[in-house]
Amino acid sequence: MRESHIEKELCKRAKKMGAIPYKFTSPGRVSVPDRLIIAPSGRMAFVEVKAPGKKPTPMQEREHLKIRALGHKVYILDNLNQIDDILNELCPS
C-alpha cells in the first residue's frame, strides 16, 4: 500500500468527522509533518504519513520533537487501522 493511499483515506475520514485535514508545508523548512488536522473539538494535531512499516527520517524525528516540546501531538500513521484511533482521540464523541 502506498503512502498516498493512506493519506487520502485519512483526509476522507477526517472530513467525514467534521475536521479539516490541511496539507502542511512550510517554505524554507524541510521535514515538517504531512498533515495538520484541526478538529471541531478545538483540538489539533500533526500527522506524519508513511508507507506501511516505514519510519520517519532522523530529520523528521527532530522536527517532531520540536513540535511535541511545544505541547502539540504528532502522530505517525503507517496503516489504515490507525486512522480511526487518531481521529477518535481528536474528535471524541
N, C-alpha and C. Protein backbone atom coordinates (compact mmCIF):
# COMPACT_ATOMS: atom_id res chain seq x y z
N MET A 1 0.84 -1.18 0.00
CA MET A 1 0.00 0.00 0.00
C MET A 1 0.88 1.25 0.00
N ARG A 2 0.47 2.24 -0.74
CA ARG A 2 1.26 3.45 -0.87
C ARG A 2 0.88 4.47 0.20
N GLU A 3 1.86 5.30 0.52
CA GLU A 3 1.64 6.39 1.48
C GLU A 3 0.49 7.29 1.03
N SER A 4 0.40 7.56 -0.25
CA SER A 4 -0.64 8.45 -0.77
C SER A 4 -2.04 7.89 -0.52
N HIS A 5 -2.17 6.56 -0.57
CA HIS A 5 -3.47 5.93 -0.31
C HIS A 5 -3.87 6.13 1.16
N ILE A 6 -2.93 5.97 2.06
CA ILE A 6 -3.19 6.15 3.49
C ILE A 6 -3.55 7.62 3.77
N GLU A 7 -2.82 8.53 3.16
CA GLU A 7 -3.09 9.96 3.36
C GLU A 7 -4.46 10.35 2.83
N LYS A 8 -4.83 9.83 1.68
CA LYS A 8 -6.14 10.12 1.09
C LYS A 8 -7.26 9.62 1.99
N GLU A 9 -7.08 8.43 2.55
CA GLU A 9 -8.10 7.86 3.45
C GLU A 9 -8.19 8.67 4.75
N LEU A 10 -7.05 9.11 5.27
CA LEU A 10 -7.05 9.98 6.45
C LEU A 10 -7.88 11.23 6.19
N CYS A 11 -7.67 11.85 5.06
CA CYS A 11 -8.39 13.08 4.72
C CYS A 11 -9.89 12.82 4.59
N LYS A 12 -10.23 11.74 3.93
CA LYS A 12 -11.64 11.40 3.74
C LYS A 12 -12.34 11.20 5.07
N ARG A 13 -11.72 10.44 5.96
CA ARG A 13 -12.34 10.16 7.26
C ARG A 13 -12.36 11.39 8.16
N ALA A 14 -11.31 12.21 8.09
CA ALA A 14 -11.26 13.43 8.90
C ALA A 14 -12.39 14.38 8.49
N LYS A 15 -12.58 14.56 7.20
CA LYS A 15 -13.65 15.43 6.71
C LYS A 15 -15.02 14.90 7.14
N LYS A 16 -15.18 13.58 7.10
CA LYS A 16 -16.45 12.97 7.50
C LYS A 16 -16.77 13.28 8.96
N MET A 17 -15.74 13.44 9.80
CA MET A 17 -15.93 13.74 11.22
C MET A 17 -16.03 15.25 11.46
N GLY A 18 -15.94 16.04 10.40
CA GLY A 18 -16.03 17.49 10.55
C GLY A 18 -14.71 18.19 10.78
N ALA A 19 -13.61 17.46 10.65
CA ALA A 19 -12.27 18.04 10.84
C ALA A 19 -11.74 18.59 9.52
N ILE A 20 -10.74 19.44 9.61
CA ILE A 20 -10.07 19.98 8.43
C ILE A 20 -8.68 19.37 8.37
N PRO A 21 -8.39 18.59 7.31
CA PRO A 21 -7.06 17.97 7.18
C PRO A 21 -6.14 18.78 6.26
N TYR A 22 -5.62 19.88 6.76
CA TYR A 22 -4.75 20.71 5.94
C TYR A 22 -3.49 19.97 5.53
N LYS A 23 -3.09 20.15 4.26
CA LYS A 23 -1.78 19.68 3.81
C LYS A 23 -0.80 20.69 4.37
N PHE A 24 0.14 20.24 5.17
CA PHE A 24 1.03 21.15 5.87
C PHE A 24 2.36 21.23 5.15
N THR A 25 2.70 22.42 4.70
CA THR A 25 4.02 22.68 4.12
C THR A 25 4.54 23.96 4.76
N SER A 26 5.82 24.06 4.82
CA SER A 26 6.43 25.24 5.41
C SER A 26 7.61 25.64 4.53
N PRO A 27 7.44 26.67 3.69
CA PRO A 27 8.52 27.07 2.80
C PRO A 27 9.82 27.34 3.55
N GLY A 28 10.89 26.82 3.03
CA GLY A 28 12.20 27.01 3.66
C GLY A 28 12.47 26.08 4.82
N ARG A 29 11.53 25.19 5.09
CA ARG A 29 11.69 24.26 6.22
C ARG A 29 11.36 22.86 5.74
N VAL A 30 12.27 21.94 5.92
CA VAL A 30 12.06 20.56 5.49
C VAL A 30 11.65 19.70 6.67
N SER A 31 11.09 18.56 6.37
CA SER A 31 10.79 17.53 7.38
C SER A 31 9.60 17.85 8.28
N VAL A 32 8.74 18.79 7.88
CA VAL A 32 7.54 19.04 8.67
C VAL A 32 6.54 17.92 8.42
N PRO A 33 5.65 17.64 9.37
CA PRO A 33 4.65 16.58 9.16
C PRO A 33 3.77 16.87 7.95
N ASP A 34 3.16 15.81 7.41
CA ASP A 34 2.38 15.92 6.18
C ASP A 34 1.05 16.64 6.35
N ARG A 35 0.37 16.41 7.45
CA ARG A 35 -0.98 16.95 7.63
C ARG A 35 -1.12 17.63 9.00
N LEU A 36 -1.92 18.68 9.01
CA LEU A 36 -2.34 19.33 10.23
C LEU A 36 -3.85 19.12 10.30
N ILE A 37 -4.28 18.34 11.29
CA ILE A 37 -5.70 18.04 11.44
C ILE A 37 -6.27 18.98 12.50
N ILE A 38 -7.26 19.78 12.09
CA ILE A 38 -7.93 20.68 13.01
C ILE A 38 -9.33 20.14 13.23
N ALA A 39 -9.61 19.75 14.46
CA ALA A 39 -10.85 19.06 14.79
C ALA A 39 -11.89 20.04 15.33
N PRO A 40 -13.17 19.71 15.15
CA PRO A 40 -14.23 20.56 15.68
C PRO A 40 -14.26 20.60 17.21
N SER A 41 -13.55 19.71 17.85
CA SER A 41 -13.47 19.67 19.31
C SER A 41 -12.58 20.78 19.87
N GLY A 42 -11.90 21.51 18.97
CA GLY A 42 -10.95 22.53 19.41
C GLY A 42 -9.54 21.99 19.52
N ARG A 43 -9.36 20.73 19.21
CA ARG A 43 -8.04 20.10 19.25
C ARG A 43 -7.42 20.12 17.86
N MET A 44 -6.11 20.00 17.85
CA MET A 44 -5.40 19.86 16.58
C MET A 44 -4.17 18.99 16.80
N ALA A 45 -3.72 18.38 15.72
CA ALA A 45 -2.53 17.53 15.80
C ALA A 45 -1.90 17.44 14.41
N PHE A 46 -0.64 17.12 14.42
CA PHE A 46 0.10 16.91 13.18
C PHE A 46 0.16 15.41 12.91
N VAL A 47 0.13 15.04 11.63
CA VAL A 47 0.21 13.63 11.25
C VAL A 47 1.29 13.46 10.20
N GLU A 48 2.24 12.61 10.50
CA GLU A 48 3.27 12.21 9.55
C GLU A 48 2.81 10.90 8.93
N VAL A 49 2.57 10.90 7.64
CA VAL A 49 2.08 9.71 6.95
C VAL A 49 3.26 8.99 6.31
N LYS A 50 3.33 7.70 6.55
CA LYS A 50 4.40 6.87 5.99
C LYS A 50 3.80 5.65 5.32
N ALA A 51 4.54 5.06 4.41
CA ALA A 51 4.14 3.78 3.83
C ALA A 51 4.23 2.73 4.94
N PRO A 52 3.45 1.65 4.82
CA PRO A 52 3.47 0.62 5.86
C PRO A 52 4.89 0.16 6.21
N GLY A 53 5.17 0.18 7.52
CA GLY A 53 6.47 -0.28 8.01
C GLY A 53 7.59 0.73 7.91
N LYS A 54 7.36 1.85 7.26
CA LYS A 54 8.40 2.87 7.12
C LYS A 54 8.41 3.76 8.36
N LYS A 55 9.57 4.28 8.70
CA LYS A 55 9.74 5.13 9.87
C LYS A 55 10.14 6.54 9.44
N PRO A 56 9.89 7.53 10.29
CA PRO A 56 10.34 8.89 9.98
C PRO A 56 11.86 8.95 9.88
N THR A 57 12.34 9.87 9.06
CA THR A 57 13.78 10.08 8.94
C THR A 57 14.29 10.76 10.21
N PRO A 58 15.58 10.74 10.46
CA PRO A 58 16.11 11.45 11.63
C PRO A 58 15.75 12.94 11.62
N MET A 59 15.74 13.57 10.45
CA MET A 59 15.35 14.99 10.38
C MET A 59 13.88 15.17 10.75
N GLN A 60 13.03 14.26 10.30
CA GLN A 60 11.62 14.33 10.66
C GLN A 60 11.44 14.12 12.16
N GLU A 61 12.16 13.18 12.72
CA GLU A 61 12.06 12.92 14.16
C GLU A 61 12.46 14.15 14.97
N ARG A 62 13.50 14.86 14.53
CA ARG A 62 13.92 16.09 15.23
C ARG A 62 12.82 17.15 15.16
N GLU A 63 12.19 17.26 13.99
CA GLU A 63 11.10 18.23 13.83
C GLU A 63 9.91 17.86 14.72
N HIS A 64 9.61 16.56 14.79
CA HIS A 64 8.51 16.10 15.65
C HIS A 64 8.79 16.42 17.11
N LEU A 65 10.03 16.23 17.53
CA LEU A 65 10.40 16.55 18.92
C LEU A 65 10.20 18.03 19.22
N LYS A 66 10.53 18.90 18.29
CA LYS A 66 10.33 20.34 18.49
C LYS A 66 8.86 20.66 18.66
N ILE A 67 8.02 20.05 17.83
CA ILE A 67 6.58 20.29 17.89
C ILE A 67 6.01 19.76 19.21
N ARG A 68 6.43 18.55 19.58
CA ARG A 68 5.95 17.96 20.85
C ARG A 68 6.40 18.77 22.05
N ALA A 69 7.61 19.34 21.98
CA ALA A 69 8.13 20.15 23.08
C ALA A 69 7.27 21.40 23.31
N LEU A 70 6.55 21.82 22.29
CA LEU A 70 5.64 22.96 22.41
C LEU A 70 4.24 22.53 22.85
N GLY A 71 4.08 21.23 23.13
CA GLY A 71 2.82 20.74 23.66
C GLY A 71 1.82 20.23 22.64
N HIS A 72 2.26 20.02 21.41
CA HIS A 72 1.35 19.54 20.37
C HIS A 72 1.59 18.07 20.07
N LYS A 73 0.53 17.40 19.64
CA LYS A 73 0.62 15.98 19.28
C LYS A 73 1.16 15.83 17.86
N VAL A 74 1.99 14.81 17.68
CA VAL A 74 2.44 14.40 16.36
C VAL A 74 2.23 12.90 16.28
N TYR A 75 1.41 12.47 15.34
CA TYR A 75 1.15 11.05 15.13
C TYR A 75 1.93 10.56 13.92
N ILE A 76 2.38 9.33 14.01
CA ILE A 76 2.99 8.65 12.87
C ILE A 76 1.96 7.65 12.39
N LEU A 77 1.53 7.79 11.15
CA LEU A 77 0.47 6.96 10.59
C LEU A 77 1.06 6.13 9.45
N ASP A 78 1.05 4.80 9.62
CA ASP A 78 1.58 3.95 8.54
C ASP A 78 0.64 2.81 8.15
N ASN A 79 -0.60 2.84 8.66
CA ASN A 79 -1.59 1.88 8.17
C ASN A 79 -3.00 2.39 8.43
N LEU A 80 -3.92 1.90 7.65
CA LEU A 80 -5.30 2.37 7.70
C LEU A 80 -5.96 2.13 9.06
N ASN A 81 -5.53 1.10 9.76
CA ASN A 81 -6.14 0.76 11.05
C ASN A 81 -5.89 1.82 12.13
N GLN A 82 -4.90 2.65 11.95
CA GLN A 82 -4.59 3.69 12.94
C GLN A 82 -5.44 4.94 12.78
N ILE A 83 -6.05 5.12 11.63
CA ILE A 83 -6.76 6.37 11.34
C ILE A 83 -7.87 6.64 12.34
N ASP A 84 -8.73 5.67 12.57
CA ASP A 84 -9.85 5.90 13.49
C ASP A 84 -9.39 6.21 14.90
N ASP A 85 -8.33 5.56 15.37
CA ASP A 85 -7.81 5.84 16.71
C ASP A 85 -7.36 7.30 16.82
N ILE A 86 -6.65 7.78 15.81
CA ILE A 86 -6.17 9.16 15.81
C ILE A 86 -7.35 10.11 15.81
N LEU A 87 -8.29 9.90 14.90
CA LEU A 87 -9.43 10.81 14.79
C LEU A 87 -10.35 10.76 15.99
N ASN A 88 -10.53 9.59 16.58
CA ASN A 88 -11.36 9.48 17.78
C ASN A 88 -10.73 10.21 18.97
N GLU A 89 -9.41 10.24 19.01
CA GLU A 89 -8.74 10.99 20.07
C GLU A 89 -8.92 12.50 19.86
N LEU A 90 -8.90 12.93 18.61
CA LEU A 90 -9.06 14.35 18.31
C LEU A 90 -10.51 14.81 18.35
N CYS A 91 -11.42 13.90 18.02
CA CYS A 91 -12.85 14.24 17.95
C CYS A 91 -13.65 13.28 18.82
N PRO A 92 -13.49 13.36 20.14
CA PRO A 92 -14.22 12.42 21.00
C PRO A 92 -15.73 12.63 20.88
N SER A 93 -16.47 11.56 21.00
CA SER A 93 -17.94 11.63 20.87
C SER A 93 -18.59 12.32 22.03
